[in-house]
Amino acid sequence: MNSKTSLYLGIIGGSLGFIYISYALFSGTADEAAYGEPFATGMAMAAMSFSTIAIVASVLVRQKPKLGGWIMIISGIAIPVFIGPFGLIPFLFIAFGGFIAVRSRNQR
């Protein structure tokens, strides 16, 4: 039960991460044209890689719950660091799924 919950929360959080990162990327590129700084693009790509890592870690939770949970927590924390307030909702899903996986008692 716990691994399924972590799996679903990780996939939902990672997918929401892609949606919010896309929004942050497209809203940030308007400033890029005005100021000439490609800062938003690099930060969004870094956040997108962490969102991908979170989805992979949510699948890893079924085999190694502790390792997958910690990777999900770290990825969940990294997403709002890179894209700011756009990443808070994916953070909640990913980190909560990671905490459930870390706290699970049954190791395979």
Foldseek 3Di string as FASTA:
>chain_A
DLLVLLLVLLVVLLVLLVVLLVVLLVVVVVVCVVPVDPLSVVLSVVLNVLSVQSNVLSVVLVQFLQVSLVSLQVSLVSNCVSRPPSSPVSSVSSNVSSVSSNPDDDHD
